C-alpha cells in the first residue's frame, strides 16, 4: 500500500490527502473468454486481487474514488471505462479514460476473476497485487509495487523473477522460505526444476515479490 501512496504523491505534487473525498464509482463487467485464450489486464495504478476460477468468463469489479479534493477528479472518474479487445489468441481488458499522471489522483481497488484454464498477463505501473490459483502461464510486469502470488506447486515447471530493487521470497507449502529461491536484494531468480509445464514470469522495477507454492 505504501508504494501506491508514495508514487501518487510524487506524480501529483499538489494538495493534501483527504479522507473525506466523496467522488466514487463502481465499474463492473463480465466478459466471455474462449478456451485457451490468453487474458491480458492493463490497469495503470491499482490494488487488485486476481482469482482463478473454474468458469469461462472474466469478471471485473473495480471501486474507484478520488484521493484528493480536486475539481477535475470527478470528471476523470466519469470518463473511466473498461475497454475489451479480443483476438484469436488474446482477450485484453484495459482501464481507459485518463492520462498517466491522472492515474495518481485516483484510488482503484477491486477483484478480477479469470478462467483457471487461461494463461494470464498483467501489466501495471504501480500496484499492490494478489494472485491466487492460476494454473497456466503467468506473466506480470509492474513498475513499482508488491506481488503476492499463491499458486499450485505442481503446475509450474520454470520460473523467472526479476526485481530491480527490492526482494524476492519463494515459499513452500509449509510457508517457509526456500533459501535457494529467495533473495533480499534485487536480482534475477530462475529455476526450472518444477514438476509442471506452465511458466512463471514476474518483472518488477522496485518492490517485493512473494510466491507461495502449495
Protein backbone atom coordinates (compact mmCIF):
# COMPACT_ATOMS: atom_id res chain seq x y z
CA UNK A 1 0.00 0.00 0.00
CA UNK A 2 2.83 2.44 0.82
CA UNK A 3 4.11 2.21 -2.76
CA UNK A 4 0.81 3.48 -4.13
CA UNK A 5 0.70 6.48 -1.81
CA UNK A 6 4.35 7.38 -2.33
CA UNK A 7 4.25 7.27 -6.12
CA UNK A 8 0.94 9.10 -6.28
CA UNK A 9 2.38 11.90 -4.15
CA UNK A 10 5.48 12.21 -6.30
CA UNK A 11 3.50 12.33 -9.50
CA UNK A 12 0.80 14.69 -8.36
CA UNK A 13 2.74 17.23 -6.26
CA UNK A 14 -0.41 19.13 -5.37
CA UNK A 15 -2.83 19.30 -2.49
CA UNK A 16 -3.11 17.30 0.70
CA UNK A 17 -4.71 13.87 1.01
CA UNK A 18 -8.19 13.96 2.43
CA UNK A 19 -10.15 11.12 3.98
CA UNK A 20 -13.46 12.76 3.25
CA UNK A 21 -13.41 12.66 -0.57
CA UNK A 22 -16.85 11.58 -1.76
CA UNK A 23 -16.37 11.14 -5.51
CA UNK A 24 -16.52 7.44 -6.21
CA UNK A 25 -17.77 4.88 -8.68
CA UNK A 26 -18.00 1.12 -9.17
CA UNK A 27 -17.10 -0.30 -12.57
CA UNK A 28 -18.23 -3.86 -13.22
CA UNK A 29 -18.22 -6.06 -16.29
CA UNK A 30 -18.36 -9.73 -17.28
CA UNK A 31 -16.65 -10.95 -20.45
CA UNK A 32 -16.53 -14.37 -22.06
CA UNK A 33 -13.19 -16.00 -22.88
CA UNK A 34 -12.61 -18.76 -25.41
CA UNK A 35 -10.95 -21.94 -24.11
CA UNK A 36 -7.18 -21.46 -24.03
CA UNK A 37 -7.43 -17.75 -24.93
CA UNK A 38 -4.84 -15.64 -23.10
CA UNK A 39 -6.17 -12.94 -20.76
CA UNK A 40 -4.28 -9.63 -20.57
CA UNK A 41 -5.11 -7.00 -17.94
CA UNK A 42 -3.79 -3.42 -18.17
CA UNK A 43 -4.55 -1.02 -15.30
CA UNK A 44 -2.04 1.76 -14.55
CA UNK A 45 -2.43 2.10 -10.75
CA UNK A 46 -4.48 -0.19 -8.51
CA UNK A 47 -4.80 -2.53 -5.57
CA UNK A 48 -6.08 -5.74 -7.11
CA UNK A 49 -6.97 -9.27 -6.16
CA UNK A 50 -6.97 -11.65 -9.12
CA UNK A 51 -8.54 -15.05 -8.53
CA UNK A 52 -8.59 -18.01 -10.93
CA UNK A 53 -11.95 -19.80 -11.11
CA UNK A 54 -13.44 -22.77 -12.95
CA UNK A 55 -15.67 -20.57 -15.10
CA UNK A 56 -15.03 -19.40 -18.66
CA UNK A 57 -15.51 -15.68 -18.04
CA UNK A 58 -13.53 -12.71 -16.80
CA UNK A 59 -15.46 -10.88 -14.09
CA UNK A 60 -14.24 -7.39 -13.15
CA UNK A 61 -15.40 -5.24 -10.24
CA UNK A 62 -13.41 -2.06 -9.59
CA UNK A 63 -14.10 0.56 -6.93
CA UNK A 64 -12.72 3.97 -7.87
CA UNK A 65 -12.54 7.10 -5.71
CA UNK A 66 -10.64 10.38 -5.57
CA UNK A 67 -7.52 10.56 -3.41
CA UNK A 68 -7.65 14.36 -3.25
CA UNK A 69 -10.34 17.02 -3.38
CA UNK A 70 -9.55 18.21 -6.86
CA UNK A 71 -12.34 19.57 -9.04
CA UNK A 72 -11.35 17.63 -12.13
CA UNK A 73 -11.19 14.28 -10.33
CA UNK A 74 -14.93 13.64 -10.52
CA UNK A 75 -14.78 14.29 -14.27
CA UNK A 76 -11.93 11.83 -14.63
CA UNK A 77 -13.94 9.18 -12.79
CA UNK A 78 -16.93 9.74 -15.09
CA UNK A 79 -14.77 9.15 -18.17
CA UNK A 80 -13.29 5.87 -16.95
CA UNK A 81 -14.34 2.72 -18.73
CA UNK A 82 -13.17 -0.81 -19.36
CA UNK A 83 -12.13 -1.42 -22.95
CA UNK A 84 -12.08 -5.01 -24.13
CA UNK A 85 -10.33 -6.24 -27.28
CA UNK A 86 -10.38 -9.82 -28.46
CA UNK A 87 -8.30 -11.73 -30.99
CA UNK A 88 -7.94 -15.42 -31.67
CA UNK A 89 -5.19 -15.69 -29.06
CA UNK A 90 -5.84 -12.93 -26.53
CA UNK A 91 -8.59 -11.11 -24.64
CA UNK A 92 -7.26 -7.71 -23.48
CA UNK A 93 -9.02 -5.73 -20.75
CA UNK A 94 -7.82 -2.17 -20.14
CA UNK A 95 -8.98 0.67 -17.91
CA UNK A 96 -9.07 3.77 -20.11
CA UNK A 97 -10.27 7.36 -19.95
CA UNK A 98 -7.38 9.08 -18.18
CA UNK A 99 -3.79 10.11 -18.77
CA UNK A 100 -0.89 8.53 -16.90
CA UNK A 101 -0.47 11.36 -14.40
CA UNK A 102 -4.19 11.50 -13.67
CA UNK A 103 -4.00 7.88 -12.50
CA UNK A 104 -2.24 9.25 -9.42
CA UNK A 105 -5.29 11.20 -8.24
CA UNK A 106 -7.44 8.05 -8.22
CA UNK A 107 -7.58 5.14 -5.84
CA UNK A 108 -8.59 1.97 -7.66
CA UNK A 109 -9.34 -1.25 -5.78
CA UNK A 110 -11.04 -4.38 -6.94
CA UNK A 111 -11.36 -8.07 -7.65
CA UNK A 112 -10.94 -9.73 -11.03
CA UNK A 113 -11.86 -13.36 -11.64
CA UNK A 114 -10.19 -15.11 -14.56
CA UNK A 115 -10.57 -18.62 -16.01
CA UNK A 116 -8.21 -21.14 -14.45
CA UNK A 117 -7.62 -22.61 -17.90
CA UNK A 118 -6.38 -19.32 -19.43
CA UNK A 119 -2.80 -18.02 -19.50
CA UNK A 120 -2.65 -14.64 -17.75
CA UNK A 121 -0.72 -11.43 -18.39
CA UNK A 122 -0.90 -8.38 -16.11
CA UNK A 123 0.76 -5.03 -16.89
CA UNK A 124 0.61 -2.22 -14.30
CA UNK A 125 2.57 0.89 -13.42
CA UNK A 126 2.03 0.95 -9.64
CA UNK A 127 0.36 -1.99 -7.96
CA UNK A 128 -0.50 -3.91 -4.85
CA UNK A 129 -1.36 -7.23 -6.44
CA UNK A 130 -2.55 -10.52 -5.00
CA UNK A 131 -3.00 -13.53 -7.30
CA UNK A 132 -4.45 -16.93 -6.41
CA UNK A 133 -4.94 -20.22 -8.19
CA UNK A 134 -3.57 -19.57 -11.69
CA UNK A 135 -2.64 -22.86 -13.39
CA UNK A 136 -1.40 -21.73 -16.81
CA UNK A 137 1.44 -19.45 -17.91
CA UNK A 138 1.56 -16.33 -15.71
CA UNK A 139 3.36 -13.12 -16.70
CA UNK A 140 3.42 -9.99 -14.50
CA UNK A 141 5.04 -6.68 -15.48
CA UNK A 142 4.98 -3.99 -12.76
CA UNK A 143 6.88 -0.74 -12.45
CA UNK A 144 6.55 -0.35 -8.67
CA UNK A 145 4.72 -2.41 -6.08
CA UNK A 146 4.04 -5.62 -4.25
CA UNK A 147 3.12 -9.01 -5.63
CA UNK A 148 1.77 -11.88 -3.55
CA UNK A 149 1.06 -15.00 -5.58
CA UNK A 150 -0.31 -18.25 -4.19
CA UNK A 151 -0.03 -20.92 -6.85
CA UNK A 152 -0.36 -24.73 -7.13
CA UNK A 153 3.13 -26.23 -6.86
CA UNK A 154 2.51 -28.99 -9.41
CA UNK A 155 1.61 -26.52 -12.17
CA UNK A 156 4.83 -24.62 -12.83
CA UNK A 157 7.94 -26.10 -14.36
CA UNK A 158 10.01 -22.94 -14.79
CA UNK A 159 10.11 -19.50 -13.21
CA UNK A 160 11.84 -16.18 -13.97
CA UNK A 161 11.51 -13.49 -11.29
CA UNK A 162 13.33 -10.18 -11.72
CA UNK A 163 13.13 -7.38 -9.12
CA UNK A 164 15.38 -4.40 -9.85
CA UNK A 165 15.36 -3.03 -6.28
CA UNK A 166 13.63 -4.99 -3.54
CA UNK A 167 13.26 -8.60 -2.54
CA UNK A 168 12.01 -11.96 -3.76
CA UNK A 169 10.68 -14.69 -1.49
CA UNK A 170 9.61 -18.13 -2.67
CA UNK A 171 7.75 -20.12 -0.01
CA UNK A 172 6.94 -23.81 0.19
CA UNK A 173 3.60 -25.31 1.18
CA UNK A 174 4.68 -25.02 4.83
CA UNK A 175 5.02 -21.26 4.45
CA UNK A 176 8.78 -21.37 5.00
CA UNK A 177 11.19 -19.66 2.58
CA UNK A 178 13.02 -21.73 0.01
CA UNK A 179 16.54 -20.44 0.63
CA UNK A 180 17.67 -21.39 -2.88
CA UNK A 181 14.99 -19.21 -4.43
CA UNK A 182 14.73 -16.21 -2.10
CA UNK A 183 16.79 -13.01 -2.37
CA UNK A 184 16.73 -9.85 -0.27
CA UNK A 185 18.40 -7.57 -2.80
CA UNK A 186 17.19 -7.13 -6.37
CA UNK A 187 18.36 -9.94 -8.58
CA UNK A 188 17.20 -12.49 -11.11
CA UNK A 189 15.66 -15.67 -9.77
CA UNK A 190 15.46 -18.55 -12.20
CA UNK A 191 14.54 -22.13 -11.55
CA UNK A 192 13.46 -24.89 -13.89
CA UNK A 193 13.05 -27.94 -11.68
CA UNK A 194 9.30 -27.72 -11.11
CA UNK A 195 7.04 -30.66 -11.96
CA UNK A 196 4.59 -28.78 -14.19
CA UNK A 197 4.55 -27.35 -17.71
CA UNK A 198 3.46 -23.74 -17.07
CA UNK A 199 5.90 -20.82 -16.93
CA UNK A 200 6.00 -18.08 -14.30
CA UNK A 201 7.50 -14.75 -15.39
CA UNK A 202 7.48 -11.77 -12.99
CA UNK A 203 9.26 -8.46 -13.56
CA UNK A 204 9.09 -5.62 -11.02
CA UNK A 205 11.22 -2.47 -11.17
CA UNK A 206 11.02 -1.59 -7.46
CA UNK A 207 9.16 -3.65 -4.88
CA UNK A 208 8.59 -7.03 -3.31
CA UNK A 209 7.56 -10.38 -4.72
CA UNK A 210 6.32 -13.28 -2.61
CA UNK A 211 5.40 -16.54 -4.32
CA UNK A 212 3.91 -19.39 -2.32
CA UNK A 213 3.74 -22.79 -3.98
CA UNK A 214 1.11 -25.00 -2.30
